[in-house]
Amino acid sequence: MAREYVWLECTETGMRNYRVPKEMRGTERLELMKYCPKLRRHTLHKESRKK
């Protein structure tokens, strides 16, 4: 299994708040509604690879 860690970045603040494992073969980029501590509410978080 090819699993890799990816970061979930808030689309509104640009903060990387969550690090989650993901199956890399044949999957699209993750988009989840997660809690943003800076805004203190749930916002859309998109997958971002740590540089």
PDB file of N, CA and C in Angstrom:
ATOM      1  N   MET A   1       0.839  -1.201   0.000  1.00  0.00           N
ATOM      2  CA  MET A   1       0.000   0.000   0.000  1.00  0.00           C
ATOM      3  C   MET A   1       0.872   1.249   0.000  1.00  0.00           C
ATOM      4  N   ALA A   2       0.568   2.167  -0.889  1.00  0.00           N
ATOM      5  CA  ALA A   2       1.322   3.415  -0.972  1.00  0.00           C
ATOM      6  C   ALA A   2       0.550   4.503  -0.246  1.00  0.00           C
ATOM      7  N   ARG A   3       0.841   4.649   1.048  1.00  0.00           N
ATOM      8  CA  ARG A   3       0.174   5.690   1.831  1.00  0.00           C
ATOM      9  C   ARG A   3       1.185   6.789   2.111  1.00  0.00           C
ATOM     10  N   GLU A   4       0.693   8.020   2.069  1.00  0.00           N
ATOM     11  CA  GLU A   4       1.558   9.163   2.284  1.00  0.00           C
ATOM     12  C   GLU A   4       0.788  10.181   3.112  1.00  0.00           C
ATOM     13  N   TYR A   5       1.506  10.965   3.915  1.00  0.00           N
ATOM     14  CA  TYR A   5       0.847  12.016   4.685  1.00  0.00           C
ATOM     15  C   TYR A   5       0.706  13.271   3.834  1.00  0.00           C
ATOM     16  N   VAL A   6      -0.464  13.897   3.902  1.00  0.00           N
ATOM     17  CA  VAL A   6      -0.708  15.170   3.225  1.00  0.00           C
ATOM     18  C   VAL A   6      -1.257  16.150   4.259  1.00  0.00           C
ATOM     19  N   TRP A   7      -1.109  17.420   3.998  1.00  0.00           N
ATOM     20  CA  TRP A   7      -1.628  18.461   4.878  1.00  0.00           C
ATOM     21  C   TRP A   7      -2.949  18.966   4.330  1.00  0.00           C
ATOM     22  N   LEU A   8      -3.859  19.340   5.232  1.00  0.00           N
ATOM     23  CA  LEU A   8      -5.114  19.981   4.827  1.00  0.00           C
ATOM     24  C   LEU A   8      -4.985  21.458   5.146  1.00  0.00           C
ATOM     25  N   GLU A   9      -5.106  22.280   4.118  1.00  0.00           N
ATOM     26  CA  GLU A   9      -4.902  23.723   4.238  1.00  0.00           C
ATOM     27  C   GLU A   9      -6.241  24.443   4.135  1.00  0.00           C
ATOM     28  N   CYS A  10      -6.490  25.364   5.053  1.00  0.00           N
ATOM     29  CA  CYS A  10      -7.724  26.155   5.050  1.00  0.00           C
ATOM     30  C   CYS A  10      -7.743  27.048   3.814  1.00  0.00           C
ATOM     31  N   THR A  11      -8.863  27.059   3.098  1.00  0.00           N
ATOM     32  CA  THR A  11      -8.958  27.864   1.877  1.00  0.00           C
ATOM     33  C   THR A  11      -9.111  29.353   2.190  1.00  0.00           C
ATOM     34  N   GLU A  12      -9.527  29.694   3.410  1.00  0.00           N
ATOM     35  CA  GLU A  12      -9.747  31.103   3.752  1.00  0.00           C
ATOM     36  C   GLU A  12      -8.531  31.755   4.397  1.00  0.00           C
ATOM     37  N   THR A  13      -7.807  31.027   5.254  1.00  0.00           N
ATOM     38  CA  THR A  13      -6.653  31.630   5.942  1.00  0.00           C
ATOM     39  C   THR A  13      -5.319  31.159   5.375  1.00  0.00           C
ATOM     40  N   GLY A  14      -5.299  30.007   4.683  1.00  0.00           N
ATOM     41  CA  GLY A  14      -4.048  29.467   4.158  1.00  0.00           C
ATOM     42  C   GLY A  14      -3.233  28.707   5.186  1.00  0.00           C
ATOM     43  N   MET A  15      -3.785  28.514   6.393  1.00  0.00           N
ATOM     44  CA  MET A  15      -3.084  27.774   7.441  1.00  0.00           C
ATOM     45  C   MET A  15      -3.206  26.278   7.198  1.00  0.00           C
ATOM     46  N   ARG A  16      -2.108  25.555   7.423  1.00  0.00           N
ATOM     47  CA  ARG A  16      -2.155  24.088   7.358  1.00  0.00           C
ATOM     48  C   ARG A  16      -2.470  23.588   8.762  1.00  0.00           C
ATOM     49  N   ASN A  17      -3.695  23.096   8.953  1.00  0.00           N
ATOM     50  CA  ASN A  17      -4.170  22.737  10.286  1.00  0.00           C
ATOM     51  C   ASN A  17      -4.152  21.252  10.580  1.00  0.00           C
ATOM     52  N   TYR A  18      -4.233  20.403   9.567  1.00  0.00           N
ATOM     53  CA  TYR A  18      -4.360  18.966   9.788  1.00  0.00           C
ATOM     54  C   TYR A  18      -3.393  18.198   8.902  1.00  0.00           C
ATOM     55  N   ARG A  19      -2.869  17.073   9.424  1.00  0.00           N
ATOM     56  CA  ARG A  19      -1.997  16.177   8.668  1.00  0.00           C
ATOM     57  C   ARG A  19      -2.656  14.808   8.697  1.00  0.00           C
ATOM     58  N   VAL A  20      -2.997  14.288   7.527  1.00  0.00           N
ATOM     59  CA  VAL A  20      -3.742  13.030   7.455  1.00  0.00           C
ATOM     60  C   VAL A  20      -3.075  12.067   6.481  1.00  0.00           C
ATOM     61  N   PRO A  21      -3.149  10.737   6.752  1.00  0.00           N
ATOM     62  CA  PRO A  21      -2.629   9.757   5.786  1.00  0.00           C
ATOM     63  C   PRO A  21      -3.612   9.582   4.632  1.00  0.00           C
ATOM     64  N   LYS A  22      -3.070   9.307   3.452  1.00  0.00           N
ATOM     65  CA  LYS A  22      -3.919   9.174   2.266  1.00  0.00           C
ATOM     66  C   LYS A  22      -3.362   8.089   1.352  1.00  0.00           C
ATOM     67  N   GLU A  23      -4.241   7.288   0.784  1.00  0.00           N
ATOM     68  CA  GLU A  23      -3.857   6.311  -0.237  1.00  0.00           C
ATOM     69  C   GLU A  23      -3.549   7.089  -1.516  1.00  0.00           C
ATOM     70  N   MET A  24      -2.353   6.901  -2.074  1.00  0.00           N
ATOM     71  CA  MET A  24      -1.915   7.773  -3.166  1.00  0.00           C
ATOM     72  C   MET A  24      -2.323   7.279  -4.565  1.00  0.00           C
ATOM     73  N   ARG A  25      -2.536   5.987  -4.736  1.00  0.00           N
ATOM     74  CA  ARG A  25      -2.822   5.481  -6.085  1.00  0.00           C
ATOM     75  C   ARG A  25      -4.273   5.724  -6.491  1.00  0.00           C
ATOM     76  N   GLY A  26      -4.464   6.453  -7.583  1.00  0.00           N
ATOM     77  CA  GLY A  26      -5.789   6.605  -8.184  1.00  0.00           C
ATOM     78  C   GLY A  26      -6.802   7.379  -7.362  1.00  0.00           C
ATOM     79  N   THR A  27      -6.368   8.410  -6.649  1.00  0.00           N
ATOM     80  CA  THR A  27      -7.307   9.197  -5.847  1.00  0.00           C
ATOM     81  C   THR A  27      -7.236  10.668  -6.227  1.00  0.00           C
ATOM     82  N   GLU A  28      -8.342  11.358  -6.020  1.00  0.00           N
ATOM     83  CA  GLU A  28      -8.363  12.796  -6.257  1.00  0.00           C
ATOM     84  C   GLU A  28      -7.872  13.523  -5.011  1.00  0.00           C
ATOM     85  N   ARG A  29      -7.741  14.826  -5.115  1.00  0.00           N
ATOM     86  CA  ARG A  29      -7.300  15.634  -3.974  1.00  0.00           C
ATOM     87  C   ARG A  29      -8.436  15.742  -2.957  1.00  0.00           C
ATOM     88  N   LEU A  30      -8.056  15.683  -1.687  1.00  0.00           N
ATOM     89  CA  LEU A  30      -9.048  15.742  -0.610  1.00  0.00           C
ATOM     90  C   LEU A  30      -9.602  17.144  -0.452  1.00  0.00           C
ATOM     91  N   GLU A  31     -10.894  17.238  -0.186  1.00  0.00           N
ATOM     92  CA  GLU A  31     -11.554  18.495   0.175  1.00  0.00           C
ATOM     93  C   GLU A  31     -12.536  18.166   1.286  1.00  0.00           C
ATOM     94  N   LEU A  32     -12.294  18.680   2.489  1.00  0.00           N
ATOM     95  CA  LEU A  32     -13.125  18.370   3.643  1.00  0.00           C
ATOM     96  C   LEU A  32     -13.491  19.641   4.397  1.00  0.00           C
ATOM     97  N   MET A  33     -14.658  19.608   5.030  1.00  0.00           N
ATOM     98  CA  MET A  33     -15.030  20.693   5.935  1.00  0.00           C
ATOM     99  C   MET A  33     -14.428  20.372   7.304  1.00  0.00           C
ATOM    100  N   LYS A  34     -13.456  21.186   7.734  1.00  0.00           N
ATOM    101  CA  LYS A  34     -12.776  20.961   9.004  1.00  0.00           C
ATOM    102  C   LYS A  34     -12.789  22.262   9.806  1.00  0.00           C
ATOM    103  N   TYR A  35     -12.517  22.132  11.111  1.00  0.00           N
ATOM    104  CA  TYR A  35     -12.518  23.289  12.002  1.00  0.00           C
ATOM    105  C   TYR A  35     -11.221  24.089  11.829  1.00  0.00           C
ATOM    106  N   CYS A  36     -11.344  25.400  11.655  1.00  0.00           N
ATOM    107  CA  CYS A  36     -10.194  26.298  11.577  1.00  0.00           C
ATOM    108  C   CYS A  36     -10.099  27.053  12.900  1.00  0.00           C
ATOM    109  N   PRO A  37      -9.022  26.838  13.681  1.00  0.00           N
ATOM    110  CA  PRO A  37      -8.913  27.491  14.984  1.00  0.00           C
ATOM    111  C   PRO A  37      -8.788  29.016  14.888  1.00  0.00           C
ATOM    112  N   LYS A  38      -8.211  29.527  13.808  1.00  0.00           N
ATOM    113  CA  LYS A  38      -8.046  30.975  13.664  1.00  0.00           C
ATOM    114  C   LYS A  38      -9.404  31.677  13.483  1.00  0.00           C
ATOM    115  N   LEU A  39     -10.271  31.091  12.650  1.00  0.00           N
ATOM    116  CA  LEU A  39     -11.593  31.673  12.400  1.00  0.00           C
ATOM    117  C   LEU A  39     -12.647  31.191  13.392  1.00  0.00           C
ATOM    118  N   ARG A  40     -12.317  30.113  14.138  1.00  0.00           N
ATOM    119  CA  ARG A  40     -13.216  29.508  15.118  1.00  0.00           C
ATOM    120  C   ARG A  40     -14.537  29.054  14.501  1.00  0.00           C
ATOM    121  N   ARG A  41     -14.424  28.451  13.304  1.00  0.00           N
ATOM    122  CA  ARG A  41     -15.592  27.861  12.647  1.00  0.00           C
ATOM    123  C   ARG A  41     -15.117  26.843  11.618  1.00  0.00           C
ATOM    124  N   HIS A  42     -16.050  26.073  11.075  1.00  0.00           N
ATOM    125  CA  HIS A  42     -15.707  25.089  10.058  1.00  0.00           C
ATOM    126  C   HIS A  42     -15.570  25.760   8.695  1.00  0.00           C
ATOM    127  N   THR A  43     -14.488  25.438   7.993  1.00  0.00           N
ATOM    128  CA  THR A  43     -14.247  25.972   6.653  1.00  0.00           C
ATOM    129  C   THR A  43     -13.780  24.831   5.751  1.00  0.00           C
ATOM    130  N   LEU A  44     -13.762  25.086   4.458  1.00  0.00           N
ATOM    131  CA  LEU A  44     -13.286  24.099   3.503  1.00  0.00           C
ATOM    132  C   LEU A  44     -11.767  24.008   3.576  1.00  0.00           C
ATOM    133  N   HIS A  45     -11.254  22.793   3.725  1.00  0.00           N
ATOM    134  CA  HIS A  45      -9.816  22.540   3.738  1.00  0.00           C
ATOM    135  C   HIS A  45      -9.481  21.669   2.533  1.00  0.00           C
ATOM    136  N   LYS A  46      -8.419  22.052   1.798  1.00  0.00           N
ATOM    137  CA  LYS A  46      -8.002  21.292   0.626  1.00  0.00           C
ATOM    138  C   LYS A  46      -6.632  20.688   0.862  1.00  0.00           C
ATOM    139  N   GLU A  47      -6.381  19.591   0.167  1.00  0.00           N
ATOM    140  CA  GLU A  47      -5.102  18.884   0.285  1.00  0.00           C
ATOM    141  C   GLU A  47      -3.947  19.755  -0.204  1.00  0.00           C
ATOM    142  N   SER A  48      -2.869  19.741   0.564  1.00  0.00           N
ATOM    143  CA  SER A  48      -1.667  20.486   0.196  1.00  0.00           C
ATOM    144  C   SER A  48      -0.469  19.640   0.613  1.00  0.00           C
ATOM    145  N   ARG A  49       0.495  19.518  -0.264  1.00  0.00           N
ATOM    146  CA  ARG A  49       1.705  18.753   0.091  1.00  0.00           C
ATOM    147  C   ARG A  49       2.716  19.684   0.736  1.00  0.00           C
ATOM    148  N   LYS A  50       3.327  19.212   1.812  1.00  0.00           N
ATOM    149  CA  LYS A  50       4.335  20.027   2.518  1.00  0.00           C
ATOM    150  C   LYS A  50       5.570  20.153   1.638  1.00  0.00           C
ATOM    151  N   LYS A  51       6.050  21.395   1.490  1.00  0.00           N
ATOM    152  CA  LYS A  51       7.213  21.637   0.629  1.00  0.00           C
ATOM    153  C   LYS A  51       8.502  21.511   1.390  1.00  0.00           C
TER     154      LYS A  51
END
